[in-house]
């Protein structure tokens, strides 16, 4: 598992340490951690709907924040639980561009046992950096 819960950072929030061999792997780990925090059994989410989105930010850590908050928004506004199928991050003149294809389905209370109602990813202790050839990060979720 490319993430772990950090118990002693926040009392009313949930924090995760993330890692991956690439930026994309780190972002995918963050999305997986988010889904695992929101529901008891993420494997119960079936790929019934697919959607693509593109995000741009000058800072890589803020791009991660935008990405997680987009997934949270889609959960709240469209009742979609999503997993990441494809994710690319490219460097460009405007900073970093993330393109993602996600799939999942609408929340079904009969099959999806929801746990924490994640409201947002926060700026508190937000970090994304390359350390000794591996990407590492920290994310705190407001619940």
C-alpha atoms as a PDB file:
ATOM      1  CA  UNK A   1       0.000   0.000   0.000  1.00  0.00           C
ATOM      2  CA  UNK A   2       1.642   3.299  -1.057  1.00  0.00           C
ATOM      3  CA  UNK A   3       0.253   5.340   1.844  1.00  0.00           C
ATOM      4  CA  UNK A   4      -0.206   5.149   5.602  1.00  0.00           C
ATOM      5  CA  UNK A   5      -2.370   6.994   8.094  1.00  0.00           C
ATOM      6  CA  UNK A   6      -0.540   9.438  10.366  1.00  0.00           C
ATOM      7  CA  UNK A   7      -2.178   9.414  13.787  1.00  0.00           C
ATOM      8  CA  UNK A   8      -0.573  12.376  15.567  1.00  0.00           C
ATOM      9  CA  UNK A   9      -0.914  15.294  13.134  1.00  0.00           C
ATOM     10  CA  UNK A  10      -4.541  16.348  13.488  1.00  0.00           C
ATOM     11  CA  UNK A  11      -7.281  15.492  15.944  1.00  0.00           C
ATOM     12  CA  UNK A  12     -10.397  16.280  13.841  1.00  0.00           C
ATOM     13  CA  UNK A  13      -8.819  15.449  10.500  1.00  0.00           C
ATOM     14  CA  UNK A  14      -7.141  12.513   8.822  1.00  0.00           C
ATOM     15  CA  UNK A  15      -3.546  12.726   7.592  1.00  0.00           C
ATOM     16  CA  UNK A  16      -1.713  10.484   5.147  1.00  0.00           C
ATOM     17  CA  UNK A  17       1.915  10.015   4.231  1.00  0.00           C
ATOM     18  CA  UNK A  18       2.159   9.094   0.549  1.00  0.00           C
ATOM     19  CA  UNK A  19       4.907   7.762  -1.680  1.00  0.00           C
ATOM     20  CA  UNK A  20       5.499   6.521  -5.181  1.00  0.00           C
ATOM     21  CA  UNK A  21       8.153   5.955  -7.813  1.00  0.00           C
ATOM     22  CA  UNK A  22       6.584   8.688  -9.966  1.00  0.00           C
ATOM     23  CA  UNK A  23       4.419  11.763  -9.449  1.00  0.00           C
ATOM     24  CA  UNK A  24       1.541   9.845 -11.007  1.00  0.00           C
ATOM     25  CA  UNK A  25       1.962   6.949  -8.584  1.00  0.00           C
ATOM     26  CA  UNK A  26       1.931   9.374  -5.649  1.00  0.00           C
ATOM     27  CA  UNK A  27      -1.274  11.039  -6.904  1.00  0.00           C
ATOM     28  CA  UNK A  28      -2.914   7.653  -7.451  1.00  0.00           C
ATOM     29  CA  UNK A  29      -1.974   6.653  -3.888  1.00  0.00           C
ATOM     30  CA  UNK A  30      -3.608   9.851  -2.615  1.00  0.00           C
ATOM     31  CA  UNK A  31      -6.824   9.051  -4.514  1.00  0.00           C
ATOM     32  CA  UNK A  32      -6.788   5.509  -3.121  1.00  0.00           C
ATOM     33  CA  UNK A  33      -6.264   6.797   0.426  1.00  0.00           C
ATOM     34  CA  UNK A  34      -9.148   9.237  -0.043  1.00  0.00           C
ATOM     35  CA  UNK A  35     -11.524   6.504  -1.228  1.00  0.00           C
ATOM     36  CA  UNK A  36     -10.423   4.194   1.606  1.00  0.00           C
ATOM     37  CA  UNK A  37     -11.155   6.929   4.117  1.00  0.00           C
ATOM     38  CA  UNK A  38     -14.615   7.593   2.663  1.00  0.00           C
ATOM     39  CA  UNK A  39     -15.844   4.013   2.507  1.00  0.00           C
ATOM     40  CA  UNK A  40     -15.365   0.671   4.181  1.00  0.00           C
ATOM     41  CA  UNK A  41     -14.876  -1.450   1.061  1.00  0.00           C
ATOM     42  CA  UNK A  42     -13.515   0.431  -1.975  1.00  0.00           C
ATOM     43  CA  UNK A  43     -13.517  -2.832  -3.965  1.00  0.00           C
ATOM     44  CA  UNK A  44     -17.340  -2.631  -3.944  1.00  0.00           C
ATOM     45  CA  UNK A  45     -17.196   0.322  -6.362  1.00  0.00           C
ATOM     46  CA  UNK A  46     -17.825  -0.885  -9.905  1.00  0.00           C
ATOM     47  CA  UNK A  47     -16.736   0.907 -13.082  1.00  0.00           C
ATOM     48  CA  UNK A  48     -20.171   1.915 -14.359  1.00  0.00           C
ATOM     49  CA  UNK A  49     -19.358   5.513 -15.295  1.00  0.00           C
ATOM     50  CA  UNK A  50     -16.195   7.018 -16.694  1.00  0.00           C
ATOM     51  CA  UNK A  51     -15.225  10.652 -16.714  1.00  0.00           C
ATOM     52  CA  UNK A  52     -12.167  12.616 -17.654  1.00  0.00           C
ATOM     53  CA  UNK A  53     -10.881  15.901 -16.314  1.00  0.00           C
ATOM     54  CA  UNK A  54      -7.872  18.155 -16.668  1.00  0.00           C
ATOM     55  CA  UNK A  55      -6.346  20.368 -13.994  1.00  0.00           C
ATOM     56  CA  UNK A  56      -3.524  22.911 -14.196  1.00  0.00           C
ATOM     57  CA  UNK A  57      -1.523  24.466 -11.376  1.00  0.00           C
ATOM     58  CA  UNK A  58       1.863  26.144 -11.122  1.00  0.00           C
ATOM     59  CA  UNK A  59       2.732  24.145  -7.983  1.00  0.00           C
ATOM     60  CA  UNK A  60       2.779  20.357  -7.799  1.00  0.00           C
ATOM     61  CA  UNK A  61       1.521  20.219  -4.206  1.00  0.00           C
ATOM     62  CA  UNK A  62      -1.396  22.507  -5.080  1.00  0.00           C
ATOM     63  CA  UNK A  63      -2.166  20.307  -8.084  1.00  0.00           C
ATOM     64  CA  UNK A  64      -2.498  17.367  -5.688  1.00  0.00           C
ATOM     65  CA  UNK A  65      -4.840  19.461  -3.540  1.00  0.00           C
ATOM     66  CA  UNK A  66      -6.917  20.374  -6.625  1.00  0.00           C
ATOM     67  CA  UNK A  67      -7.034  16.722  -7.718  1.00  0.00           C
ATOM     68  CA  UNK A  68      -8.285  15.421  -4.378  1.00  0.00           C
ATOM     69  CA  UNK A  69     -10.785  18.245  -4.039  1.00  0.00           C
ATOM     70  CA  UNK A  70     -12.121  17.463  -7.527  1.00  0.00           C
ATOM     71  CA  UNK A  71     -12.731  13.860  -6.462  1.00  0.00           C
ATOM     72  CA  UNK A  72     -14.432  15.087  -3.270  1.00  0.00           C
ATOM     73  CA  UNK A  73     -16.556  17.555  -5.273  1.00  0.00           C
ATOM     74  CA  UNK A  74     -17.694  14.772  -7.634  1.00  0.00           C
ATOM     75  CA  UNK A  75     -18.631  12.664  -4.609  1.00  0.00           C
ATOM     76  CA  UNK A  76     -20.665  15.495  -3.098  1.00  0.00           C
ATOM     77  CA  UNK A  77     -22.206  17.085  -6.210  1.00  0.00           C
ATOM     78  CA  UNK A  78     -22.775  14.001  -8.378  1.00  0.00           C
ATOM     79  CA  UNK A  79     -22.733  11.254  -5.716  1.00  0.00           C
ATOM     80  CA  UNK A  80     -19.885   9.494  -7.562  1.00  0.00           C
ATOM     81  CA  UNK A  81     -17.310   7.262  -5.928  1.00  0.00           C
ATOM     82  CA  UNK A  82     -14.347   7.163  -8.284  1.00  0.00           C
ATOM     83  CA  UNK A  83     -11.104   5.310  -8.716  1.00  0.00           C
ATOM     84  CA  UNK A  84      -8.298   6.443 -10.992  1.00  0.00           C
ATOM     85  CA  UNK A  85      -7.832   4.480 -14.220  1.00  0.00           C
ATOM     86  CA  UNK A  86      -5.343   6.717 -16.023  1.00  0.00           C
ATOM     87  CA  UNK A  87      -3.416   9.702 -14.699  1.00  0.00           C
ATOM     88  CA  UNK A  88      -0.669  11.726 -16.355  1.00  0.00           C
ATOM     89  CA  UNK A  89       1.171  14.806 -15.156  1.00  0.00           C
ATOM     90  CA  UNK A  90       3.070  16.949 -17.650  1.00  0.00           C
ATOM     91  CA  UNK A  91       5.320  19.963 -17.137  1.00  0.00           C
ATOM     92  CA  UNK A  92       4.466  23.008 -19.234  1.00  0.00           C
ATOM     93  CA  UNK A  93       4.680  26.777 -19.452  1.00  0.00           C
ATOM     94  CA  UNK A  94       1.729  27.183 -17.077  1.00  0.00           C
ATOM     95  CA  UNK A  95       3.146  24.756 -14.525  1.00  0.00           C
ATOM     96  CA  UNK A  96       1.838  21.218 -14.244  1.00  0.00           C
ATOM     97  CA  UNK A  97      -1.069  19.719 -16.173  1.00  0.00           C
ATOM     98  CA  UNK A  98      -2.881  16.686 -14.810  1.00  0.00           C
ATOM     99  CA  UNK A  99      -5.123  14.607 -17.053  1.00  0.00           C
ATOM    100  CA  UNK A 100      -7.158  11.895 -15.427  1.00  0.00           C
ATOM    101  CA  UNK A 101      -9.681   9.279 -16.446  1.00  0.00           C
ATOM    102  CA  UNK A 102     -11.618   7.940 -13.501  1.00  0.00           C
ATOM    103  CA  UNK A 103     -14.353   5.367 -13.256  1.00  0.00           C
ATOM    104  CA  UNK A 104     -16.817   4.378 -10.619  1.00  0.00           C
ATOM    105  CA  UNK A 105     -20.470   4.637  -9.819  1.00  0.00           C
ATOM    106  CA  UNK A 106     -23.114   6.542  -7.923  1.00  0.00           C
ATOM    107  CA  UNK A 107     -23.293   5.903  -4.206  1.00  0.00           C
ATOM    108  CA  UNK A 108     -25.543   2.937  -3.474  1.00  0.00           C
ATOM    109  CA  UNK A 109     -26.259   2.764   0.279  1.00  0.00           C
ATOM    110  CA  UNK A 110     -27.131  -0.932  -0.074  1.00  0.00           C
ATOM    111  CA  UNK A 111     -23.615  -1.766  -1.326  1.00  0.00           C
ATOM    112  CA  UNK A 112     -21.391   1.131  -0.261  1.00  0.00           C
ATOM    113  CA  UNK A 113     -20.868   1.463   3.458  1.00  0.00           C
ATOM    114  CA  UNK A 114     -19.708   5.057   3.832  1.00  0.00           C
ATOM    115  CA  UNK A 115     -17.498   6.005   6.736  1.00  0.00           C
ATOM    116  CA  UNK A 116     -15.980   9.490   7.058  1.00  0.00           C
ATOM    117  CA  UNK A 117     -17.618  12.349   5.177  1.00  0.00           C
ATOM    118  CA  UNK A 118     -14.509  13.977   3.757  1.00  0.00           C
ATOM    119  CA  UNK A 119     -15.196  17.664   3.178  1.00  0.00           C
ATOM    120  CA  UNK A 120     -11.897  18.758   1.612  1.00  0.00           C
ATOM    121  CA  UNK A 121      -8.191  18.216   1.256  1.00  0.00           C
ATOM    122  CA  UNK A 122      -6.431  21.001   3.151  1.00  0.00           C
ATOM    123  CA  UNK A 123      -3.314  23.110   2.853  1.00  0.00           C
ATOM    124  CA  UNK A 124      -2.235  22.109   6.354  1.00  0.00           C
ATOM    125  CA  UNK A 125       1.106  20.262   6.073  1.00  0.00           C
ATOM    126  CA  UNK A 126       0.527  19.693   2.359  1.00  0.00           C
ATOM    127  CA  UNK A 127       3.763  18.434   0.826  1.00  0.00           C
ATOM    128  CA  UNK A 128       4.949  16.841  -2.415  1.00  0.00           C
ATOM    129  CA  UNK A 129       8.661  16.402  -3.058  1.00  0.00           C
ATOM    130  CA  UNK A 130      11.217  14.060  -4.530  1.00  0.00           C
ATOM    131  CA  UNK A 131      13.472  12.531  -1.863  1.00  0.00           C
ATOM    132  CA  UNK A 132      16.293  10.164  -2.801  1.00  0.00           C
ATOM    133  CA  UNK A 133      14.683   9.308  -6.131  1.00  0.00           C
ATOM    134  CA  UNK A 134      11.211   8.619  -4.707  1.00  0.00           C
ATOM    135  CA  UNK A 135       8.226  10.944  -4.571  1.00  0.00           C
ATOM    136  CA  UNK A 136       6.851  11.587  -1.083  1.00  0.00           C
ATOM    137  CA  UNK A 137       3.982  13.652   0.215  1.00  0.00           C
ATOM    138  CA  UNK A 138       1.634  14.459   3.053  1.00  0.00           C
ATOM    139  CA  UNK A 139      -2.068  15.239   2.826  1.00  0.00           C
ATOM    140  CA  UNK A 140      -4.522  16.213   5.550  1.00  0.00           C
ATOM    141  CA  UNK A 141      -8.238  15.677   4.898  1.00  0.00           C
ATOM    142  CA  UNK A 142     -10.929  17.682   6.671  1.00  0.00           C
ATOM    143  CA  UNK A 143     -13.658  15.329   7.915  1.00  0.00           C
END
